[in-house]
Amino acid sequence: MSVQIENKNVEKRAGNSPEVKVEFGLLDPRTLLVETNVRTEANLTPRFLKSIRDNGVLIAILVQRTEQGLRVRAGQRRTLAAIEEGLETIPAMIVQGDEDQVRRIREQMAENDDRQGLRHADRVAAFEQMSLLGVSAVDIANTTGHSTSDVQAALTVAKTKKAKAVQAKYDLTLDQAAVLAEFENDTEAVKALTEIAIKSPDRFAHAAQQRRDDRDAAARLAKAVKALADAGIKQVTNWNTEVKDNRAAQELDKLQTGEGKTLTPEGHAICPQRAAYISTSWNGDIHTRHVCLDYKAAGHKLNRTNVNDTRTEQEKQAASAERAEVITNNKAWKSAETVRREWLAQFAKRKSAPKDAANFIAGSFTADTHSIEKAGSGAHALACEWLGLKTTGGWGSRQALNDLIAKATPARALHIALVLALAAIEERTGLHTWRRPGTESRYLRALEVWGYNLSDVEQIARGPQETPACPAAKQTTPKTAPTTNPAPAAPATKSGAQPKADNPAPVTNPAKVASPGKAATPNKGQAKPQVPTTTDNNAVKALEKPVLNPTRATTPDAGAATEEGAGKRQPVVPKDQKQARSAQPAAAGSR
């Protein structure tokens, strides 16, 4: 069925003479000839096929009448998808054809290049409108081809004023906007995370997890403070001025009763000078240190069994700085572990492995034998979790894995083997990993090549030495070997000026500042993205970056060598190893 109309503008756009009529009709897609197209692949994604199946072809294709038959000039994907889904007819605009190949290429490029997809904010608004019309999240997902979790996240964003406004202004991704919705009541967090989403999107997931950890720790701290108040115990808010520098004050573990008995918090409950100081450790645990603000007036005496600290003031300061670094990096590692394992869980769902997976697996049989054996004795619990196997462990887990492998294609089976190896290595990681740079270098470099964005503390764990993850990621040795003496001066630029970091982040010890990676900048002629103005200079301070190992390698590209930074501080090492280290001769250069 077709209808002829006269439209000179349409004819001119189609490249035909005005005298020829244009036809609009419903055509059987199986009868059409698909013309050579600038698209080398049709890329019929499941979402696109579902849209064609549910909605049909909404925009008419362009068909040219030739001696061979009706030939598709524009609308190749719609035509092939309609055939795939078994549609009987599709709408088409029919014009007279010609053999002008230059015009064919020009029109096909224009039809594909001049499209503009929906902004993330537009998609959120559309889901919100459908929800207000009474459509459930499940039905929205089914009819639009999006996942239910994405629709639910969009509806959550739509209900939060700040997240919705920020996404509309900067068109953040749905995942980023959903995270901002978590911090709706924390204006400072929303500003800081928005800035990171715009300037350094690769850091966003790690920064958000650190925010969550800090928020949870703050909640536990508030609970402990309330418990002190309910018990009528005074809270010490400044340890240095109220206890350390106060000769009259002492911790209970350094005191005895007048009769020489050990002084406990329970036994100190009736003392009018009782107080307590609450602190939070790197992992969020709350510690309460009970003190007596005037032990002599209260009738207590010092516990003389305590050994005096014979360290010099310089040694005490060095130990304090080292401990601060350990606390900062331990905290960052736990946050990074959460993000990394979430990424690995998604990575495990892939249907095929990366092209260099076989090399990594083969290397794991020699480099990670003990870890694989240990994971096997535990029935590969972490791997089963990532692979979505609901098992109780032991024989049941092994059987579930065997069943999964038996049903898998060869490509999927290779990926399952890779997941088993990765899970085994991941299970052995911990706080010790970043303290011994290079121990997991092969593992972390592989994740980096496969698309995972290493956090700063994970880059410390990756280490400076040459440990290729696989043949595709060629690394080099550093030009200068690490020394025990940190050199704070940064290398000079060609002009002799010292380079400046784009986004310096505060660390626990200001004397140990690392240089973060540069933020992406717009291309020439491209509008500079707007960044929310933060009136509080401490807006990003809560996102405390780990103290970096400046000799870390840059993110490896396939086949590209990396140079290690020189003249920067080294990670904390055990004291028994510090004196054993000595300066190494400089390498001749990268290879």
Protein backbone atom coordinates (compact mmCIF):
# COMPACT_ATOMS: atom_id res chain seq x y z
CA MET A 1 0.00 0.00 0.00
CA SER A 2 1.40 3.40 -0.98
CA VAL A 3 0.29 7.00 -1.42
CA GLN A 4 1.75 9.51 -3.89
CA ILE A 5 2.20 13.16 -2.95
CA GLU A 6 3.93 16.13 -4.55
CA ASN A 7 6.46 17.85 -2.35
CA LYS A 8 9.22 19.74 -4.13
CA ASN A 9 11.22 20.27 -0.93
CA VAL A 10 11.23 16.55 -0.20
CA GLU A 11 12.17 15.84 -3.83
CA LYS A 12 15.08 18.28 -3.68
CA ARG A 13 16.35 16.73 -0.44
CA ALA A 14 16.07 13.29 -1.98
CA GLY A 15 18.09 14.44 -4.97
CA ASN A 16 15.34 13.91 -7.57
CA SER A 17 13.70 16.22 -10.07
CA PRO A 18 10.59 18.05 -8.80
CA GLU A 19 8.40 16.36 -11.41
CA VAL A 20 8.77 12.92 -9.85
CA LYS A 21 6.23 12.03 -7.20
CA VAL A 22 7.14 10.70 -3.75
CA GLU A 23 5.37 7.66 -2.41
CA PHE A 24 4.76 6.74 1.22
CA GLY A 25 3.89 3.14 1.85
CA LEU A 26 4.06 0.08 4.09
CA LEU A 27 6.56 -2.40 2.62
CA ASP A 28 7.56 -5.96 3.43
CA PRO A 29 11.15 -5.62 4.69
CA ARG A 30 12.07 -9.05 3.33
CA THR A 31 11.47 -7.83 -0.23
CA LEU A 32 13.84 -4.88 0.03
CA LEU A 33 17.43 -4.74 -1.20
CA VAL A 34 19.90 -3.42 1.37
CA GLU A 35 22.26 -0.99 -0.32
CA THR A 36 25.97 -0.73 0.46
CA ASN A 37 26.11 1.30 3.64
CA VAL A 38 28.74 3.43 5.35
CA ARG A 39 27.99 1.39 8.47
CA THR A 40 30.21 -1.68 8.30
CA GLU A 41 28.22 -3.35 11.11
CA ALA A 42 24.50 -3.08 11.75
CA ASN A 43 25.04 -3.63 15.51
CA LEU A 44 21.56 -4.96 16.27
CA THR A 45 21.73 -4.71 20.04
CA PRO A 46 19.19 -6.55 22.22
CA ARG A 47 17.73 -3.21 23.33
CA PHE A 48 17.28 -2.04 19.73
CA LEU A 49 15.66 -5.33 18.69
CA LYS A 50 13.31 -5.17 21.67
CA SER A 51 12.33 -1.62 20.73
CA ILE A 52 11.52 -2.70 17.17
CA ARG A 53 9.59 -5.70 18.49
CA ASP A 54 7.54 -3.64 20.94
CA ASN A 55 7.11 -0.39 19.01
CA GLY A 56 7.69 -1.28 15.38
CA VAL A 57 9.58 1.06 13.04
CA LEU A 58 8.58 4.56 14.15
CA ILE A 59 10.45 6.59 11.51
CA ALA A 60 9.98 5.72 7.84
CA ILE A 61 13.01 4.40 5.98
CA LEU A 62 14.15 5.92 2.66
CA VAL A 63 13.78 3.53 -0.30
CA GLN A 64 14.84 4.15 -3.90
CA ARG A 65 13.15 2.52 -6.87
CA THR A 66 15.78 0.94 -9.17
CA GLU A 67 15.80 -1.55 -12.03
CA GLN A 68 16.80 -4.30 -9.60
CA GLY A 69 13.96 -3.46 -7.20
CA LEU A 70 13.36 -1.33 -4.13
CA ARG A 71 16.69 -0.51 -2.49
CA VAL A 72 17.12 0.82 1.07
CA ARG A 73 19.09 4.09 1.01
CA ALA A 74 18.61 5.11 4.66
CA GLY A 75 17.34 2.85 7.46
CA GLN A 76 19.51 -0.25 7.17
CA ARG A 77 19.40 -1.08 10.91
CA ARG A 78 15.63 -0.60 11.11
CA THR A 79 15.12 -2.84 8.08
CA LEU A 80 17.38 -5.65 9.32
CA ALA A 81 15.89 -5.46 12.81
CA ALA A 82 12.37 -5.65 11.37
CA ILE A 83 13.36 -8.80 9.45
CA GLU A 84 14.95 -10.23 12.59
CA GLU A 85 11.78 -9.63 14.61
CA GLY A 86 9.45 -10.86 11.85
CA LEU A 87 7.58 -7.60 11.17
CA GLU A 88 5.29 -7.95 8.14
CA THR A 89 5.50 -4.31 7.03
CA ILE A 90 7.44 -1.17 7.83
CA PRO A 91 6.81 2.48 6.81
CA ALA A 92 8.89 3.76 3.91
CA MET A 93 9.33 6.86 1.74
CA ILE A 94 9.91 5.75 -1.87
CA VAL A 95 11.79 7.93 -4.38
CA GLN A 96 13.32 7.35 -7.79
CA GLY A 97 16.86 5.97 -7.51
CA ASP A 98 20.07 6.83 -9.32
CA GLU A 99 23.69 5.70 -9.33
CA ASP A 100 25.23 8.78 -7.72
CA GLN A 101 27.53 7.08 -5.19
CA VAL A 102 28.90 10.34 -3.81
CA ARG A 103 25.41 11.46 -2.86
CA ARG A 104 24.68 8.02 -1.36
CA ILE A 105 27.67 8.26 0.96
CA ARG A 106 26.90 11.89 1.84
CA GLU A 107 23.25 11.11 2.71
CA GLN A 108 24.11 8.02 4.72
CA MET A 109 26.71 9.90 6.73
CA ALA A 110 24.31 12.78 7.36
CA GLU A 111 21.57 10.40 8.47
CA ASN A 112 23.87 8.81 11.07
CA ASP A 113 26.05 11.75 12.11
CA ASP A 114 23.36 14.34 12.66
CA ARG A 115 21.55 12.37 15.34
CA GLN A 116 21.50 13.38 18.98
CA GLY A 117 20.53 10.91 21.63
CA LEU A 118 18.64 11.74 24.78
CA ARG A 119 20.55 13.40 27.58
CA HIS A 120 20.69 11.48 30.83
CA ALA A 121 18.55 14.16 32.43
CA ASP A 122 15.94 13.80 29.64
CA ARG A 123 15.76 10.06 30.26
CA VAL A 124 15.19 10.63 33.99
CA ALA A 125 12.42 13.12 33.20
CA ALA A 126 10.77 10.64 30.81
CA PHE A 127 10.79 7.85 33.39
CA GLU A 128 9.39 10.26 35.97
CA GLN A 129 6.52 11.26 33.67
CA MET A 130 5.66 7.61 32.96
CA SER A 131 5.72 6.88 36.70
CA LEU A 132 3.38 9.81 37.41
CA LEU A 133 1.00 8.33 34.82
CA GLY A 134 0.79 5.17 36.90
CA VAL A 135 3.32 2.97 35.09
CA SER A 136 5.38 0.79 37.44
CA ALA A 137 9.18 0.68 37.31
CA VAL A 138 9.05 -2.90 36.01
CA ASP A 139 6.66 -1.94 33.19
CA ILE A 140 8.77 1.10 32.30
CA ALA A 141 11.82 -1.14 32.07
CA ASN A 142 10.01 -3.74 29.96
CA THR A 143 8.63 -1.20 27.50
CA THR A 144 11.76 0.94 27.11
CA GLY A 145 14.44 -1.73 27.07
CA HIS A 146 16.23 -0.41 30.17
CA SER A 147 17.00 -2.46 33.25
CA THR A 148 14.66 -2.24 36.23
CA SER A 149 17.55 -1.12 38.44
CA ASP A 150 18.30 1.78 36.08
CA VAL A 151 14.65 2.85 36.06
CA GLN A 152 14.44 2.67 39.86
CA ALA A 153 17.66 4.69 40.16
CA ALA A 154 16.25 7.31 37.77
CA LEU A 155 13.04 7.57 39.77
CA THR A 156 15.08 8.01 42.95
CA VAL A 157 17.03 10.84 41.31
CA ALA A 158 13.76 12.43 40.17
CA LYS A 159 12.56 12.56 43.79
CA THR A 160 15.70 14.28 45.14
CA LYS A 161 15.88 18.01 44.51
CA LYS A 162 19.66 18.47 44.54
CA ALA A 163 20.58 15.41 42.50
CA LYS A 164 17.95 16.19 39.89
CA ALA A 165 19.09 19.82 39.57
CA VAL A 166 22.77 18.90 39.29
CA GLN A 167 22.10 16.23 36.68
CA ALA A 168 19.98 18.60 34.62
CA LYS A 169 22.77 21.22 34.71
CA TYR A 170 25.79 19.00 34.03
CA ASP A 171 24.08 15.95 32.45
CA LEU A 172 25.78 13.50 34.81
CA THR A 173 25.33 9.81 34.14
CA LEU A 174 22.49 7.98 35.84
CA ASP A 175 24.92 6.15 38.14
CA GLN A 176 26.56 9.41 39.21
CA ALA A 177 23.22 11.13 39.80
CA ALA A 178 22.00 8.16 41.85
CA VAL A 179 25.06 8.51 44.10
CA LEU A 180 24.35 12.22 44.59
CA ALA A 181 20.82 11.25 45.64
CA GLU A 182 22.39 9.24 48.49
CA PHE A 183 23.88 12.48 49.85
CA GLU A 184 20.82 14.67 49.37
CA ASN A 185 21.16 16.05 52.91
CA ASP A 186 24.91 16.71 52.65
CA THR A 187 25.40 19.82 50.51
CA GLU A 188 29.19 19.75 50.83
CA ALA A 189 29.34 16.12 49.65
CA VAL A 190 27.12 16.87 46.66
CA LYS A 191 29.39 19.77 45.63
CA ALA A 192 32.59 17.77 46.04
CA LEU A 193 31.30 14.71 44.19
CA THR A 194 29.87 16.84 41.40
CA GLU A 195 33.26 18.46 40.89
CA ILE A 196 34.93 15.05 40.74
CA ALA A 197 32.29 13.74 38.30
CA ILE A 198 33.08 16.62 35.93
CA LYS A 199 36.86 16.88 36.33
CA SER A 200 37.95 13.31 37.18
CA PRO A 201 35.12 10.85 36.44
CA ASP A 202 37.51 7.90 36.80
CA ARG A 203 37.88 8.78 40.49
CA PHE A 204 34.16 9.12 41.12
CA ALA A 205 33.39 5.58 42.30
CA HIS A 206 36.32 5.58 44.77
CA ALA A 207 35.49 9.07 46.04
CA ALA A 208 31.85 8.11 46.55
CA GLN A 209 32.79 4.98 48.50
CA GLN A 210 35.10 6.98 50.75
CA ARG A 211 32.21 9.36 51.38
CA ARG A 212 29.97 6.45 52.34
CA ASP A 213 32.60 5.06 54.69
CA ASP A 214 33.13 8.49 56.28
CA ARG A 215 29.37 8.94 56.66
CA ASP A 216 28.98 5.55 58.35
CA ALA A 217 31.93 6.28 60.66
CA ALA A 218 30.39 9.64 61.57
CA ALA A 219 27.13 7.90 62.45
CA ARG A 220 28.95 5.47 64.75
CA LEU A 221 30.84 8.37 66.32
CA ALA A 222 27.61 10.26 66.97
CA LYS A 223 26.17 7.16 68.62
CA ALA A 224 29.22 6.85 70.92
CA VAL A 225 29.05 10.55 71.85
CA LYS A 226 25.40 10.16 72.76
CA ALA A 227 26.23 7.15 74.93
CA LEU A 228 28.76 9.24 76.87
CA ALA A 229 26.25 12.02 77.35
CA ASP A 230 23.57 9.59 78.53
CA ALA A 231 26.04 8.17 81.07
CA GLY A 232 26.89 11.66 82.35
CA ILE A 233 30.58 11.42 81.34
CA LYS A 234 32.31 14.56 80.15
CA GLN A 235 33.69 14.30 76.63
CA VAL A 236 37.26 15.41 75.93
CA THR A 237 37.20 17.12 72.55
CA ASN A 238 40.88 18.09 72.24
CA TRP A 239 43.29 15.40 73.40
CA ASN A 240 46.43 17.51 73.21
CA THR A 241 45.27 20.50 75.23
CA GLU A 242 43.00 18.71 77.70
CA VAL A 243 45.09 15.59 78.38
CA LYS A 244 48.52 15.41 76.74
CA ASP A 245 49.63 18.94 77.70
CA ASN A 246 47.77 18.90 81.01
CA ARG A 247 50.02 17.60 83.80
CA ALA A 248 47.04 16.98 86.07
CA ALA A 249 45.28 14.67 83.57
CA GLN A 250 46.14 11.03 82.91
CA GLU A 251 44.65 8.02 81.16
CA LEU A 252 43.18 5.43 83.48
CA ASP A 253 45.58 2.70 82.33
CA LYS A 254 48.42 4.80 83.78
CA LEU A 255 46.73 5.26 87.16
CA GLN A 256 46.07 3.30 90.33
CA THR A 257 43.74 3.81 93.23
CA GLY A 258 45.09 5.14 96.48
CA GLU A 259 45.34 1.53 97.68
CA GLY A 260 47.44 0.53 94.66
CA LYS A 261 44.71 -1.31 92.78
CA THR A 262 44.21 -1.12 89.02
CA LEU A 263 41.89 1.70 88.04
CA THR A 264 39.14 0.66 85.61
CA PRO A 265 36.37 2.70 83.93
CA GLU A 266 33.81 0.92 86.13
CA GLY A 267 35.79 1.70 89.29
CA HIS A 268 36.23 5.28 88.14
CA ALA A 269 32.52 5.84 87.56
CA ILE A 270 31.98 7.86 90.77
CA CYS A 271 35.05 10.10 90.31
CA PRO A 272 34.06 13.75 89.72
CA GLN A 273 37.10 14.16 87.42
CA ARG A 274 36.14 11.35 85.07
CA ALA A 275 36.06 12.04 81.33
CA ALA A 276 36.55 10.21 78.05
CA TYR A 277 37.96 10.88 74.60
CA ILE A 278 36.37 9.24 71.54
CA SER A 279 38.39 8.57 68.40
CA THR A 280 37.72 6.77 65.14
CA SER A 281 40.25 4.33 63.67
CA TRP A 282 41.05 3.90 59.97
CA ASN A 283 38.37 1.19 59.57
CA GLY A 284 35.66 3.18 61.33
CA ASP A 285 35.91 1.43 64.69
CA ILE A 286 35.17 3.64 67.69
CA HIS A 287 37.70 3.77 70.54
CA THR A 288 36.96 5.36 73.92
CA ARG A 289 39.92 6.41 76.07
CA HIS A 290 38.90 7.03 79.69
CA VAL A 291 40.85 9.68 81.61
CA CYS A 292 40.93 11.45 84.93
CA LEU A 293 41.28 15.20 84.46
CA ASP A 294 42.92 15.76 87.90
CA TYR A 295 44.17 12.46 89.27
CA LYS A 296 45.92 13.93 92.32
CA ALA A 297 42.81 15.80 93.45
CA ALA A 298 40.83 12.60 93.00
CA GLY A 299 43.25 10.64 95.21
CA HIS A 300 44.78 8.50 92.45
CA LYS A 301 48.45 7.86 91.84
CA LEU A 302 50.59 6.99 88.86
CA ASN A 303 51.17 3.39 87.94
CA ARG A 304 54.96 3.19 88.29
CA THR A 305 55.13 -0.09 86.40
CA ASN A 306 54.80 1.77 83.09
CA VAL A 307 58.08 1.90 81.16
CA ASN A 308 59.17 5.43 80.30
CA ASP A 309 59.31 6.33 76.63
CA THR A 310 62.98 6.93 75.85
CA ARG A 311 62.46 8.09 72.26
CA THR A 312 63.60 11.53 71.19
CA GLU A 313 61.06 14.14 70.15
CA GLN A 314 62.17 13.77 66.51
CA GLU A 315 61.65 10.00 66.69
CA LYS A 316 58.22 10.50 68.20
CA GLN A 317 57.23 12.92 65.43
CA ALA A 318 58.50 10.55 62.74
CA ALA A 319 56.56 7.68 64.29
CA SER A 320 53.45 9.85 64.52
CA ALA A 321 53.74 10.87 60.85
CA GLU A 322 54.28 7.28 59.80
CA ARG A 323 51.27 6.15 61.79
CA ALA A 324 49.16 8.93 60.23
CA GLU A 325 50.17 7.71 56.78
CA VAL A 326 49.28 4.14 57.67
CA ILE A 327 45.87 5.19 58.99
CA THR A 328 45.12 7.25 55.88
CA ASN A 329 46.13 4.52 53.44
CA ASN A 330 44.45 1.73 55.43
CA LYS A 331 41.22 3.66 55.32
CA ALA A 332 41.59 4.31 51.59
CA TRP A 333 42.35 0.64 50.93
CA LYS A 334 39.13 -0.55 52.56
CA SER A 335 37.12 1.89 50.45
CA ALA A 336 38.96 0.84 47.31
CA GLU A 337 38.40 -2.84 48.10
CA THR A 338 34.64 -2.30 48.09
CA VAL A 339 34.74 -0.56 44.69
CA ARG A 340 37.16 -3.12 43.22
CA ARG A 341 35.10 -6.13 44.27
CA GLU A 342 31.91 -4.56 42.93
CA TRP A 343 33.68 -4.05 39.61
CA LEU A 344 34.94 -7.64 39.62
CA ALA A 345 31.42 -8.92 40.30
CA GLN A 346 30.24 -7.13 37.15
CA PHE A 347 33.31 -8.29 35.23
CA ALA A 348 32.45 -11.90 36.14
CA LYS A 349 29.10 -11.60 34.33
CA ARG A 350 30.73 -11.14 30.94
CA LYS A 351 30.13 -13.90 28.42
CA SER A 352 33.70 -13.98 27.13
CA ALA A 353 37.13 -13.25 28.53
CA PRO A 354 39.62 -10.59 27.42
CA LYS A 355 41.90 -11.68 24.59
CA ASP A 356 44.89 -12.01 26.93
CA ALA A 357 43.01 -14.00 29.60
CA ALA A 358 44.72 -17.29 28.70
CA ASN A 359 48.14 -15.71 29.32
CA PHE A 360 47.04 -14.44 32.73
CA ILE A 361 45.54 -17.82 33.71
CA ALA A 362 48.69 -19.68 32.62
CA GLY A 363 50.82 -17.30 34.67
CA SER A 364 48.57 -17.80 37.68
CA PHE A 365 49.35 -21.51 37.78
CA THR A 366 52.96 -20.64 38.58
CA ALA A 367 52.74 -17.23 40.32
CA ASP A 368 49.58 -17.81 42.35
CA THR A 369 49.56 -21.58 42.96
CA HIS A 370 49.12 -21.34 46.71
CA SER A 371 46.25 -18.85 46.42
CA ILE A 372 44.41 -21.04 43.91
CA GLU A 373 44.86 -24.11 46.13
CA LYS A 374 43.61 -22.18 49.16
CA ALA A 375 40.57 -20.88 47.24
CA GLY A 376 39.86 -24.42 46.05
CA SER A 377 39.89 -25.73 49.61
CA GLY A 378 37.26 -23.12 50.38
CA ALA A 379 35.17 -24.21 47.37
CA HIS A 380 35.92 -20.92 45.58
CA ALA A 381 33.45 -19.00 47.75
CA LEU A 382 34.28 -15.54 46.39
CA ALA A 383 34.20 -16.71 42.77
CA CYS A 384 30.81 -18.37 43.35
CA GLU A 385 29.52 -15.08 44.75
CA TRP A 386 30.73 -13.15 41.69
CA LEU A 387 29.29 -15.76 39.32
CA GLY A 388 25.89 -15.51 40.98
CA LEU A 389 25.89 -19.09 42.34
CA LYS A 390 23.78 -19.42 45.48
CA THR A 391 25.54 -22.24 47.29
CA THR A 392 26.28 -23.28 50.85
CA GLY A 393 29.92 -24.13 50.23
CA GLY A 394 31.75 -27.42 50.10
CA TRP A 395 30.56 -30.06 47.68
CA GLY A 396 27.50 -28.01 46.72
CA SER A 397 29.65 -25.10 45.50
CA ARG A 398 31.92 -27.37 43.50
CA GLN A 399 28.95 -29.06 41.90
CA ALA A 400 27.37 -25.71 41.06
CA LEU A 401 30.62 -24.59 39.40
CA ASN A 402 30.87 -27.85 37.46
CA ASP A 403 27.28 -27.46 36.23
CA LEU A 404 27.95 -23.87 35.18
CA ILE A 405 31.08 -24.86 33.27
CA ALA A 406 29.35 -27.81 31.60
CA LYS A 407 26.68 -25.51 30.14
CA ALA A 408 29.10 -22.76 29.11
CA THR A 409 30.43 -22.05 25.65
CA PRO A 410 34.22 -22.35 25.24
CA ALA A 411 34.55 -18.56 25.44
CA ARG A 412 32.44 -18.39 28.60
CA ALA A 413 34.31 -21.34 30.15
CA LEU A 414 37.60 -19.50 29.64
CA HIS A 415 36.12 -16.46 31.36
CA ILE A 416 34.93 -18.60 34.30
CA ALA A 417 38.48 -19.94 34.66
CA LEU A 418 39.74 -16.34 34.70
CA VAL A 419 37.20 -15.43 37.40
CA LEU A 420 38.38 -18.37 39.54
CA ALA A 421 41.98 -17.14 39.28
CA LEU A 422 41.09 -13.51 40.00
CA ALA A 423 38.95 -14.42 43.01
CA ALA A 424 41.74 -16.57 44.43
CA ILE A 425 44.20 -13.68 44.20
CA GLU A 426 41.68 -11.14 45.48
CA GLU A 427 41.05 -13.22 48.59
CA ARG A 428 44.68 -12.90 49.63
CA THR A 429 44.75 -9.10 49.34
CA GLY A 430 44.40 -6.96 52.42
CA LEU A 431 45.87 -4.00 54.27
CA HIS A 432 49.29 -5.54 53.88
CA THR A 433 49.04 -5.23 50.09
CA TRP A 434 49.66 -1.48 49.78
CA ARG A 435 52.47 -1.66 52.37
CA ARG A 436 54.43 -4.06 50.15
CA PRO A 437 54.34 -2.37 46.73
CA GLY A 438 54.58 -4.78 43.85
CA THR A 439 53.32 -7.91 45.59
CA GLU A 440 50.07 -7.74 43.59
CA SER A 441 51.49 -5.79 40.66
CA ARG A 442 50.67 -8.44 38.06
CA TYR A 443 47.09 -8.71 39.31
CA LEU A 444 46.37 -4.98 39.57
CA ARG A 445 47.98 -4.17 36.23
CA ALA A 446 45.76 -6.80 34.58
CA LEU A 447 42.61 -5.24 36.07
CA GLU A 448 43.83 -1.84 34.91
CA VAL A 449 44.30 -3.09 31.33
CA TRP A 450 40.81 -4.63 31.39
CA GLY A 451 39.12 -1.36 32.30
CA TYR A 452 39.29 -0.97 36.09
CA ASN A 453 40.37 2.47 37.35
CA LEU A 454 42.93 1.99 40.12
CA SER A 455 42.57 4.30 43.09
CA ASP A 456 45.63 6.12 44.42
CA VAL A 457 46.30 3.58 47.14
CA GLU A 458 45.90 0.71 44.66
CA GLN A 459 48.51 2.38 42.48
CA ILE A 460 50.85 2.20 45.49
CA ALA A 461 50.13 -1.53 45.72
CA ARG A 462 50.73 -1.91 42.00
CA GLY A 463 54.31 -0.92 42.66
CA PRO A 464 57.04 0.65 40.52
CA GLN A 465 58.84 -2.50 39.41
CA GLU A 466 58.39 -4.18 36.06
CA THR A 467 55.66 -6.77 36.39
CA PRO A 468 53.60 -7.01 33.19
CA ALA A 469 50.05 -8.21 33.65
CA CYS A 470 50.11 -9.84 30.24
CA PRO A 471 51.94 -9.54 26.92
CA ALA A 472 49.55 -6.80 25.82
CA ALA A 473 50.67 -4.49 28.63
CA LYS A 474 54.40 -3.91 28.20
CA GLN A 475 56.05 -2.17 31.12
CA THR A 476 59.50 -0.73 31.76
CA THR A 477 61.82 -0.44 34.71
CA PRO A 478 62.10 2.95 36.40
CA LYS A 479 64.88 5.25 35.32
CA THR A 480 66.04 5.71 38.90
CA ALA A 481 65.77 3.19 41.67
CA PRO A 482 63.97 4.15 44.91
CA THR A 483 66.05 5.36 47.81
CA THR A 484 65.40 5.56 51.49
CA ASN A 485 65.65 9.37 51.53
CA PRO A 486 62.58 11.16 50.20
CA ALA A 487 63.26 14.09 47.88
CA PRO A 488 60.34 16.50 47.97
CA ALA A 489 61.50 18.59 45.02
CA ALA A 490 59.58 17.84 41.83
CA PRO A 491 61.45 17.56 38.51
CA ALA A 492 61.63 20.86 36.63
CA THR A 493 59.89 21.43 33.34
CA LYS A 494 61.75 22.31 30.14
CA SER A 495 61.43 25.99 30.87
CA GLY A 496 62.91 25.50 34.32
CA ALA A 497 59.65 26.16 36.16
CA GLN A 498 58.33 23.71 38.65
CA PRO A 499 55.20 21.86 37.47
CA LYS A 500 52.02 22.37 39.41
CA ALA A 501 49.41 19.75 40.17
CA ASP A 502 45.97 20.46 38.74
CA ASN A 503 44.00 19.18 41.69
CA PRO A 504 46.16 19.00 44.83
CA ALA A 505 44.39 17.11 47.59
CA PRO A 506 45.26 17.44 51.28
CA VAL A 507 46.84 14.52 53.11
CA THR A 508 47.38 13.77 56.76
CA ASN A 509 50.98 14.97 56.71
CA PRO A 510 51.31 18.16 54.61
CA ALA A 511 54.99 17.45 54.06
CA LYS A 512 54.16 14.27 52.16
CA VAL A 513 52.06 15.46 49.28
CA ALA A 514 51.70 13.40 46.12
CA SER A 515 50.89 14.72 42.68
CA PRO A 516 47.49 13.53 41.50
CA GLY A 517 46.76 12.97 37.84
CA LYS A 518 45.70 15.90 35.68
CA ALA A 519 42.04 16.46 35.09
CA ALA A 520 40.73 16.22 31.57
CA THR A 521 40.54 19.52 29.72
CA PRO A 522 38.22 20.39 26.85
CA ASN A 523 39.48 20.37 23.28
CA LYS A 524 40.28 23.61 21.49
CA GLY A 525 37.09 25.37 20.57
CA GLN A 526 35.03 23.26 22.93
CA ALA A 527 33.09 24.93 25.68
CA LYS A 528 34.67 24.55 29.09
CA PRO A 529 32.36 22.56 31.41
CA GLN A 530 30.85 24.52 34.22
CA VAL A 531 32.03 23.54 37.65
CA PRO A 532 30.02 24.33 40.75
CA THR A 533 31.65 27.01 42.84
CA THR A 534 32.59 25.75 46.28
CA THR A 535 32.57 28.58 48.78
CA ASP A 536 34.11 26.35 51.45
CA ASN A 537 37.79 25.78 50.71
CA ASN A 538 37.58 22.54 52.65
CA ALA A 539 34.83 21.13 50.41
CA VAL A 540 36.99 18.33 49.11
CA LYS A 541 39.15 17.82 52.18
CA ALA A 542 36.97 15.01 53.47
CA LEU A 543 37.94 13.01 50.39
CA GLU A 544 41.34 12.44 51.94
CA LYS A 545 43.63 11.00 49.29
CA PRO A 546 46.14 8.33 50.30
CA VAL A 547 49.79 9.21 50.62
CA LEU A 548 50.99 8.09 47.23
CA ASN A 549 54.07 6.24 46.19
CA PRO A 550 55.21 8.79 43.58
CA THR A 551 57.23 6.14 41.74
CA ARG A 552 54.04 4.48 40.61
CA ALA A 553 53.65 3.72 36.94
CA THR A 554 51.11 5.51 34.81
CA THR A 555 48.10 3.63 33.53
CA PRO A 556 49.48 1.17 30.98
CA ASP A 557 48.26 1.20 27.41
CA ALA A 558 48.64 -1.88 25.25
CA GLY A 559 52.13 -1.97 23.82
CA ALA A 560 53.15 1.31 25.48
CA ALA A 561 56.02 1.69 27.91
CA THR A 562 55.70 3.65 31.14
CA GLU A 563 58.21 5.77 33.00
CA GLU A 564 58.37 5.82 36.76
CA GLY A 565 58.59 9.15 38.58
CA ALA A 566 61.81 9.89 40.35
CA GLY A 567 62.84 11.95 43.33
CA LYS A 568 59.68 11.38 45.36
CA ARG A 569 58.90 9.80 48.71
CA GLN A 570 58.58 6.10 49.22
CA PRO A 571 55.89 4.12 51.01
CA VAL A 572 56.20 3.11 54.63
CA VAL A 573 58.48 0.10 55.06
CA PRO A 574 59.26 -2.03 58.13
CA LYS A 575 61.99 -0.55 60.28
CA ASP A 576 64.20 -3.64 59.95
CA GLN A 577 64.31 -3.05 56.20
CA LYS A 578 65.02 0.69 56.22
CA GLN A 579 68.71 0.40 57.10
CA ALA A 580 69.20 -2.44 54.63
CA ARG A 581 68.21 -0.23 51.72
CA SER A 582 70.77 1.73 49.79
CA ALA A 583 70.70 3.85 46.67
CA GLN A 584 70.79 1.94 43.40
CA PRO A 585 72.51 3.11 40.22
CA ALA A 586 70.24 4.79 37.70
CA ALA A 587 68.99 2.64 34.87
CA ALA A 588 70.17 3.43 31.38
CA GLY A 589 66.64 4.26 30.30
CA SER A 590 63.35 2.70 29.40
CA ARG A 591 63.33 0.06 26.78
